[in-house]
Amino acid sequence: MNKLIINTDGAARGNPGPAAIGATLKDENNKLIATISRRLGVTTNNQAEYRAVIAALEKAVSLGAKQVTVFSDSELVVHQINGRYRVKNAALRPLYQEVVKLIGSLDSFTVSCIPRHRNAEADKLANMALDG
């Protein structure tokens, strides 16, 4: 499994509130390789968004991926990972650092922001975990 395309989403009902993550991991032919749908407990929406990226990257690394493309509908998380925004929030800093550490084990990594309607599968997985 060399190349993976990942969609991630974090959701919190209330901010902070009960939260969950969802992610899809697909190969370059758009074949679904794995999904993540997990409750987190009480956290903020931004923390949930970061935890979704972390869980997906951990899964990608465990599958042996070397080239990873991540899509998220969280502008804040995407811009922080890309270095466009500084990570000012103390609660997000360790999550950001974990993402950077995981990226370091890859040969190539990109992350892009997409509109929410293009992230429906990951959103559904996050909401399934919240509702379950």
N, C-alpha and C. Protein backbone atom coordinates (compact mmCIF):
# COMPACT_ATOMS: atom_id res chain seq x y z
N MET A 1 0.86 -1.18 0.00
CA MET A 1 0.00 0.00 0.00
C MET A 1 0.89 1.23 0.00
N ASN A 2 1.23 1.73 -1.15
CA ASN A 2 2.16 2.85 -1.23
C ASN A 2 1.46 4.20 -1.09
N LYS A 3 0.35 4.40 -1.83
CA LYS A 3 -0.30 5.71 -1.86
C LYS A 3 -1.72 5.60 -1.32
N LEU A 4 -2.08 6.53 -0.41
CA LEU A 4 -3.43 6.56 0.13
C LEU A 4 -4.01 7.95 0.03
N ILE A 5 -5.32 8.00 -0.25
CA ILE A 5 -6.08 9.24 -0.25
C ILE A 5 -7.06 9.14 0.92
N ILE A 6 -6.97 10.12 1.79
CA ILE A 6 -7.71 10.08 3.05
C ILE A 6 -8.65 11.28 3.15
N ASN A 7 -9.87 11.02 3.59
CA ASN A 7 -10.80 12.09 3.96
C ASN A 7 -11.06 11.96 5.46
N THR A 8 -10.96 13.08 6.18
CA THR A 8 -11.17 13.04 7.62
C THR A 8 -12.21 14.06 8.04
N ASP A 9 -12.87 13.76 9.16
CA ASP A 9 -13.81 14.71 9.74
C ASP A 9 -13.88 14.48 11.24
N GLY A 10 -13.97 15.57 11.96
CA GLY A 10 -14.22 15.51 13.40
C GLY A 10 -15.51 16.25 13.67
N ALA A 11 -16.25 15.78 14.66
CA ALA A 11 -17.53 16.41 14.98
C ALA A 11 -17.69 16.50 16.49
N ALA A 12 -18.20 17.63 16.95
CA ALA A 12 -18.50 17.81 18.36
C ALA A 12 -19.88 18.45 18.46
N ARG A 13 -20.71 17.89 19.30
CA ARG A 13 -22.05 18.45 19.53
C ARG A 13 -21.98 19.33 20.77
N GLY A 14 -21.86 20.60 20.51
CA GLY A 14 -21.50 21.56 21.54
C GLY A 14 -20.01 21.80 21.37
N ASN A 15 -19.50 22.86 21.92
CA ASN A 15 -18.07 23.13 21.70
C ASN A 15 -17.45 23.71 22.96
N PRO A 16 -17.01 22.87 23.90
CA PRO A 16 -16.83 21.42 23.76
C PRO A 16 -18.13 20.66 23.99
N GLY A 17 -18.10 19.40 23.58
CA GLY A 17 -19.24 18.52 23.75
C GLY A 17 -18.85 17.12 23.34
N PRO A 18 -19.82 16.20 23.35
CA PRO A 18 -19.55 14.84 22.90
C PRO A 18 -18.99 14.90 21.47
N ALA A 19 -17.91 14.17 21.24
CA ALA A 19 -17.22 14.28 19.94
C ALA A 19 -16.88 12.91 19.38
N ALA A 20 -16.62 12.91 18.06
CA ALA A 20 -16.26 11.67 17.38
C ALA A 20 -15.46 12.03 16.13
N ILE A 21 -14.84 11.00 15.55
CA ILE A 21 -14.08 11.18 14.32
C ILE A 21 -14.52 10.17 13.28
N GLY A 22 -14.29 10.55 12.03
CA GLY A 22 -14.56 9.65 10.91
C GLY A 22 -13.50 9.86 9.85
N ALA A 23 -13.15 8.77 9.16
CA ALA A 23 -12.17 8.88 8.07
C ALA A 23 -12.34 7.73 7.11
N THR A 24 -12.02 8.01 5.85
CA THR A 24 -11.94 6.96 4.83
C THR A 24 -10.51 6.96 4.30
N LEU A 25 -9.99 5.77 4.04
CA LEU A 25 -8.67 5.60 3.44
C LEU A 25 -8.87 4.81 2.16
N LYS A 26 -8.49 5.43 1.04
CA LYS A 26 -8.69 4.80 -0.27
C LYS A 26 -7.37 4.73 -1.02
N ASP A 27 -7.25 3.73 -1.90
CA ASP A 27 -6.06 3.66 -2.74
C ASP A 27 -6.22 4.61 -3.92
N GLU A 28 -5.21 4.67 -4.78
CA GLU A 28 -5.24 5.63 -5.89
C GLU A 28 -6.30 5.31 -6.94
N ASN A 29 -6.90 4.12 -6.87
CA ASN A 29 -8.00 3.75 -7.77
C ASN A 29 -9.37 3.97 -7.11
N ASN A 30 -9.36 4.69 -5.97
CA ASN A 30 -10.58 5.01 -5.23
C ASN A 30 -11.22 3.80 -4.56
N LYS A 31 -10.44 2.73 -4.38
CA LYS A 31 -10.93 1.53 -3.67
C LYS A 31 -10.79 1.76 -2.17
N LEU A 32 -11.89 1.55 -1.44
CA LEU A 32 -11.89 1.74 0.00
C LEU A 32 -11.01 0.69 0.67
N ILE A 33 -10.02 1.13 1.42
CA ILE A 33 -9.08 0.24 2.11
C ILE A 33 -9.47 0.10 3.58
N ALA A 34 -9.87 1.22 4.21
CA ALA A 34 -10.22 1.20 5.63
C ALA A 34 -11.10 2.40 5.96
N THR A 35 -11.83 2.26 7.05
CA THR A 35 -12.61 3.37 7.59
C THR A 35 -12.33 3.49 9.09
N ILE A 36 -12.55 4.69 9.59
CA ILE A 36 -12.44 4.95 11.03
C ILE A 36 -13.72 5.64 11.46
N SER A 37 -14.30 5.16 12.53
CA SER A 37 -15.51 5.76 13.10
C SER A 37 -15.43 5.51 14.60
N ARG A 38 -15.10 6.58 15.36
CA ARG A 38 -14.79 6.37 16.77
C ARG A 38 -15.24 7.55 17.62
N ARG A 39 -15.80 7.25 18.78
CA ARG A 39 -16.16 8.30 19.75
C ARG A 39 -14.91 8.75 20.48
N LEU A 40 -14.90 10.01 20.87
CA LEU A 40 -13.76 10.56 21.60
C LEU A 40 -14.08 10.93 23.04
N GLY A 41 -15.33 11.09 23.39
CA GLY A 41 -15.68 11.69 24.68
C GLY A 41 -15.93 13.17 24.44
N VAL A 42 -15.73 13.99 25.47
CA VAL A 42 -16.00 15.42 25.37
C VAL A 42 -14.73 16.15 24.94
N THR A 43 -14.85 16.90 23.87
CA THR A 43 -13.73 17.70 23.35
C THR A 43 -14.28 18.79 22.44
N THR A 44 -13.41 19.63 21.94
CA THR A 44 -13.85 20.69 21.03
C THR A 44 -13.87 20.16 19.59
N ASN A 45 -14.53 20.90 18.72
CA ASN A 45 -14.59 20.52 17.32
C ASN A 45 -13.20 20.51 16.69
N ASN A 46 -12.39 21.52 16.98
CA ASN A 46 -11.04 21.58 16.39
C ASN A 46 -10.16 20.43 16.89
N GLN A 47 -10.28 20.08 18.16
CA GLN A 47 -9.53 18.94 18.68
C GLN A 47 -9.99 17.66 17.98
N ALA A 48 -11.28 17.52 17.75
CA ALA A 48 -11.80 16.34 17.05
C ALA A 48 -11.28 16.29 15.62
N GLU A 49 -11.23 17.43 14.95
CA GLU A 49 -10.69 17.48 13.58
C GLU A 49 -9.24 17.01 13.56
N TYR A 50 -8.44 17.48 14.50
CA TYR A 50 -7.04 17.04 14.59
C TYR A 50 -6.95 15.55 14.89
N ARG A 51 -7.76 15.07 15.82
CA ARG A 51 -7.71 13.65 16.18
C ARG A 51 -8.11 12.75 15.02
N ALA A 52 -8.98 13.24 14.16
CA ALA A 52 -9.35 12.47 12.96
C ALA A 52 -8.14 12.35 12.02
N VAL A 53 -7.41 13.44 11.84
CA VAL A 53 -6.22 13.40 10.99
C VAL A 53 -5.18 12.46 11.59
N ILE A 54 -4.98 12.56 12.90
CA ILE A 54 -3.99 11.70 13.59
C ILE A 54 -4.36 10.23 13.43
N ALA A 55 -5.61 9.88 13.71
CA ALA A 55 -6.03 8.47 13.60
C ALA A 55 -5.86 7.94 12.18
N ALA A 56 -6.19 8.77 11.20
CA ALA A 56 -6.06 8.34 9.81
C ALA A 56 -4.59 8.18 9.41
N LEU A 57 -3.73 9.10 9.85
CA LEU A 57 -2.31 8.98 9.54
C LEU A 57 -1.70 7.76 10.23
N GLU A 58 -2.11 7.50 11.46
CA GLU A 58 -1.62 6.30 12.16
C GLU A 58 -2.00 5.04 11.39
N LYS A 59 -3.24 5.00 10.91
CA LYS A 59 -3.70 3.85 10.13
C LYS A 59 -2.92 3.75 8.83
N ALA A 60 -2.71 4.86 8.16
CA ALA A 60 -1.96 4.87 6.89
C ALA A 60 -0.54 4.34 7.09
N VAL A 61 0.11 4.80 8.15
CA VAL A 61 1.48 4.35 8.44
C VAL A 61 1.48 2.85 8.75
N SER A 62 0.48 2.40 9.50
CA SER A 62 0.41 0.97 9.85
C SER A 62 0.17 0.10 8.61
N LEU A 63 -0.44 0.68 7.59
CA LEU A 63 -0.67 -0.04 6.33
C LEU A 63 0.54 0.05 5.39
N GLY A 64 1.56 0.79 5.81
CA GLY A 64 2.77 0.89 5.01
C GLY A 64 2.73 1.98 3.95
N ALA A 65 1.79 2.90 4.03
CA ALA A 65 1.71 3.98 3.05
C ALA A 65 2.92 4.89 3.14
N LYS A 66 3.38 5.33 2.01
CA LYS A 66 4.52 6.26 1.94
C LYS A 66 4.12 7.60 1.35
N GLN A 67 3.04 7.61 0.55
CA GLN A 67 2.52 8.84 -0.04
C GLN A 67 1.08 9.01 0.40
N VAL A 68 0.80 10.11 1.08
CA VAL A 68 -0.54 10.31 1.63
C VAL A 68 -1.05 11.69 1.25
N THR A 69 -2.30 11.71 0.80
CA THR A 69 -3.03 12.95 0.53
C THR A 69 -4.23 12.97 1.47
N VAL A 70 -4.35 14.04 2.24
CA VAL A 70 -5.46 14.18 3.19
C VAL A 70 -6.36 15.32 2.73
N PHE A 71 -7.66 15.05 2.80
CA PHE A 71 -8.67 16.08 2.54
C PHE A 71 -9.51 16.25 3.81
N SER A 72 -9.72 17.49 4.20
CA SER A 72 -10.50 17.81 5.39
C SER A 72 -11.33 19.05 5.10
N ASP A 73 -12.46 19.17 5.79
CA ASP A 73 -13.25 20.39 5.62
C ASP A 73 -12.94 21.42 6.71
N SER A 74 -11.90 21.15 7.52
CA SER A 74 -11.50 22.09 8.56
C SER A 74 -10.41 23.02 8.04
N GLU A 75 -10.80 24.23 7.71
CA GLU A 75 -9.85 25.21 7.20
C GLU A 75 -8.74 25.48 8.22
N LEU A 76 -9.10 25.59 9.49
CA LEU A 76 -8.11 25.86 10.53
C LEU A 76 -7.03 24.78 10.57
N VAL A 77 -7.45 23.53 10.66
CA VAL A 77 -6.50 22.42 10.76
C VAL A 77 -5.63 22.34 9.51
N VAL A 78 -6.23 22.44 8.35
CA VAL A 78 -5.46 22.36 7.10
C VAL A 78 -4.43 23.48 7.03
N HIS A 79 -4.85 24.70 7.33
CA HIS A 79 -3.92 25.84 7.24
C HIS A 79 -2.83 25.77 8.31
N GLN A 80 -3.15 25.23 9.48
CA GLN A 80 -2.11 25.07 10.51
C GLN A 80 -1.10 24.01 10.08
N ILE A 81 -1.57 22.89 9.58
CA ILE A 81 -0.66 21.83 9.14
C ILE A 81 0.22 22.33 8.00
N ASN A 82 -0.34 23.12 7.11
CA ASN A 82 0.41 23.66 5.97
C ASN A 82 1.31 24.84 6.34
N GLY A 83 1.22 25.31 7.60
CA GLY A 83 2.06 26.41 8.05
C GLY A 83 1.54 27.79 7.70
N ARG A 84 0.33 27.86 7.18
CA ARG A 84 -0.25 29.16 6.82
C ARG A 84 -0.75 29.90 8.06
N TYR A 85 -1.28 29.14 9.04
CA TYR A 85 -1.71 29.71 10.32
C TYR A 85 -0.80 29.17 11.42
N ARG A 86 -0.52 30.02 12.41
CA ARG A 86 0.22 29.56 13.58
C ARG A 86 -0.73 28.80 14.51
N VAL A 87 -0.17 27.88 15.29
CA VAL A 87 -0.97 27.12 16.26
C VAL A 87 -0.87 27.86 17.59
N LYS A 88 -1.86 28.72 17.84
CA LYS A 88 -1.83 29.55 19.04
C LYS A 88 -2.49 28.85 20.23
N ASN A 89 -3.48 28.02 19.97
CA ASN A 89 -4.23 27.36 21.03
C ASN A 89 -3.39 26.28 21.68
N ALA A 90 -3.18 26.39 23.00
CA ALA A 90 -2.32 25.44 23.73
C ALA A 90 -2.85 24.01 23.66
N ALA A 91 -4.15 23.84 23.59
CA ALA A 91 -4.73 22.48 23.54
C ALA A 91 -4.50 21.84 22.17
N LEU A 92 -4.35 22.63 21.13
CA LEU A 92 -4.13 22.09 19.78
C LEU A 92 -2.65 21.81 19.49
N ARG A 93 -1.75 22.48 20.22
CA ARG A 93 -0.32 22.36 19.93
C ARG A 93 0.19 20.91 19.96
N PRO A 94 -0.12 20.12 21.02
CA PRO A 94 0.37 18.73 21.02
C PRO A 94 -0.25 17.88 19.91
N LEU A 95 -1.48 18.19 19.51
CA LEU A 95 -2.11 17.46 18.41
C LEU A 95 -1.42 17.80 17.10
N TYR A 96 -1.12 19.07 16.91
CA TYR A 96 -0.38 19.50 15.72
C TYR A 96 0.99 18.81 15.68
N GLN A 97 1.67 18.77 16.82
CA GLN A 97 3.00 18.14 16.87
C GLN A 97 2.94 16.66 16.55
N GLU A 98 1.87 16.00 16.96
CA GLU A 98 1.69 14.58 16.63
C GLU A 98 1.50 14.40 15.13
N VAL A 99 0.75 15.29 14.50
CA VAL A 99 0.57 15.23 13.05
C VAL A 99 1.92 15.40 12.36
N VAL A 100 2.70 16.38 12.78
CA VAL A 100 4.02 16.63 12.19
C VAL A 100 4.91 15.39 12.33
N LYS A 101 4.87 14.76 13.49
CA LYS A 101 5.67 13.55 13.72
C LYS A 101 5.25 12.43 12.76
N LEU A 102 3.97 12.24 12.58
CA LEU A 102 3.47 11.20 11.67
C LEU A 102 3.84 11.51 10.22
N ILE A 103 3.73 12.77 9.84
CA ILE A 103 4.09 13.19 8.48
C ILE A 103 5.57 12.86 8.22
N GLY A 104 6.39 12.99 9.24
CA GLY A 104 7.82 12.73 9.11
C GLY A 104 8.16 11.31 8.71
N SER A 105 7.24 10.38 8.93
CA SER A 105 7.50 8.98 8.56
C SER A 105 7.03 8.67 7.13
N LEU A 106 6.55 9.69 6.43
CA LEU A 106 6.07 9.52 5.06
C LEU A 106 7.07 10.11 4.07
N ASP A 107 7.06 9.60 2.85
CA ASP A 107 7.90 10.16 1.79
C ASP A 107 7.28 11.42 1.20
N SER A 108 5.94 11.45 1.11
CA SER A 108 5.26 12.62 0.58
C SER A 108 3.92 12.77 1.27
N PHE A 109 3.53 14.02 1.51
CA PHE A 109 2.30 14.32 2.22
C PHE A 109 1.75 15.64 1.73
N THR A 110 0.44 15.66 1.47
CA THR A 110 -0.26 16.91 1.19
C THR A 110 -1.58 16.89 1.95
N VAL A 111 -2.03 18.06 2.34
CA VAL A 111 -3.33 18.20 2.98
C VAL A 111 -4.02 19.39 2.34
N SER A 112 -5.30 19.21 2.01
CA SER A 112 -6.08 20.25 1.34
C SER A 112 -7.44 20.37 1.99
N CYS A 113 -7.95 21.59 1.95
CA CYS A 113 -9.29 21.86 2.47
C CYS A 113 -10.31 21.68 1.34
N ILE A 114 -11.37 20.98 1.65
CA ILE A 114 -12.45 20.77 0.69
C ILE A 114 -13.77 21.24 1.29
N PRO A 115 -14.74 21.56 0.45
CA PRO A 115 -16.05 21.94 0.98
C PRO A 115 -16.70 20.76 1.71
N ARG A 116 -17.51 21.09 2.68
CA ARG A 116 -18.14 20.06 3.51
C ARG A 116 -18.91 19.03 2.68
N HIS A 117 -19.59 19.47 1.63
CA HIS A 117 -20.39 18.53 0.83
C HIS A 117 -19.51 17.51 0.10
N ARG A 118 -18.21 17.78 -0.06
CA ARG A 118 -17.31 16.81 -0.69
C ARG A 118 -16.67 15.89 0.35
N ASN A 119 -17.08 16.03 1.60
CA ASN A 119 -16.52 15.23 2.69
C ASN A 119 -17.60 14.39 3.37
N ALA A 120 -18.62 14.03 2.62
CA ALA A 120 -19.81 13.40 3.19
C ALA A 120 -19.52 12.04 3.82
N GLU A 121 -18.64 11.23 3.23
CA GLU A 121 -18.38 9.90 3.79
C GLU A 121 -17.73 10.00 5.17
N ALA A 122 -16.72 10.83 5.31
CA ALA A 122 -16.06 10.99 6.61
C ALA A 122 -17.01 11.60 7.63
N ASP A 123 -17.81 12.58 7.20
CA ASP A 123 -18.80 13.21 8.07
C ASP A 123 -19.80 12.17 8.57
N LYS A 124 -20.26 11.30 7.69
CA LYS A 124 -21.21 10.26 8.06
C LYS A 124 -20.61 9.31 9.10
N LEU A 125 -19.34 8.94 8.90
CA LEU A 125 -18.68 8.03 9.86
C LEU A 125 -18.53 8.68 11.23
N ALA A 126 -18.21 9.97 11.28
CA ALA A 126 -18.11 10.67 12.55
C ALA A 126 -19.46 10.73 13.24
N ASN A 127 -20.51 11.06 12.47
CA ASN A 127 -21.85 11.15 13.07
C ASN A 127 -22.39 9.78 13.48
N MET A 128 -22.03 8.73 12.75
CA MET A 128 -22.45 7.37 13.17
C MET A 128 -21.86 7.04 14.53
N ALA A 129 -20.60 7.40 14.75
CA ALA A 129 -19.96 7.14 16.05
C ALA A 129 -20.63 7.96 17.15
N LEU A 130 -20.99 9.21 16.84
CA LEU A 130 -21.66 10.04 17.83
C LEU A 130 -23.05 9.49 18.17
N ASP A 131 -23.76 9.02 17.17
CA ASP A 131 -25.12 8.54 17.37
C ASP A 131 -25.16 7.12 17.96
N GLY A 132 -24.07 6.38 17.78
CA GLY A 132 -24.03 4.98 18.22
C GLY A 132 -23.80 4.88 19.66
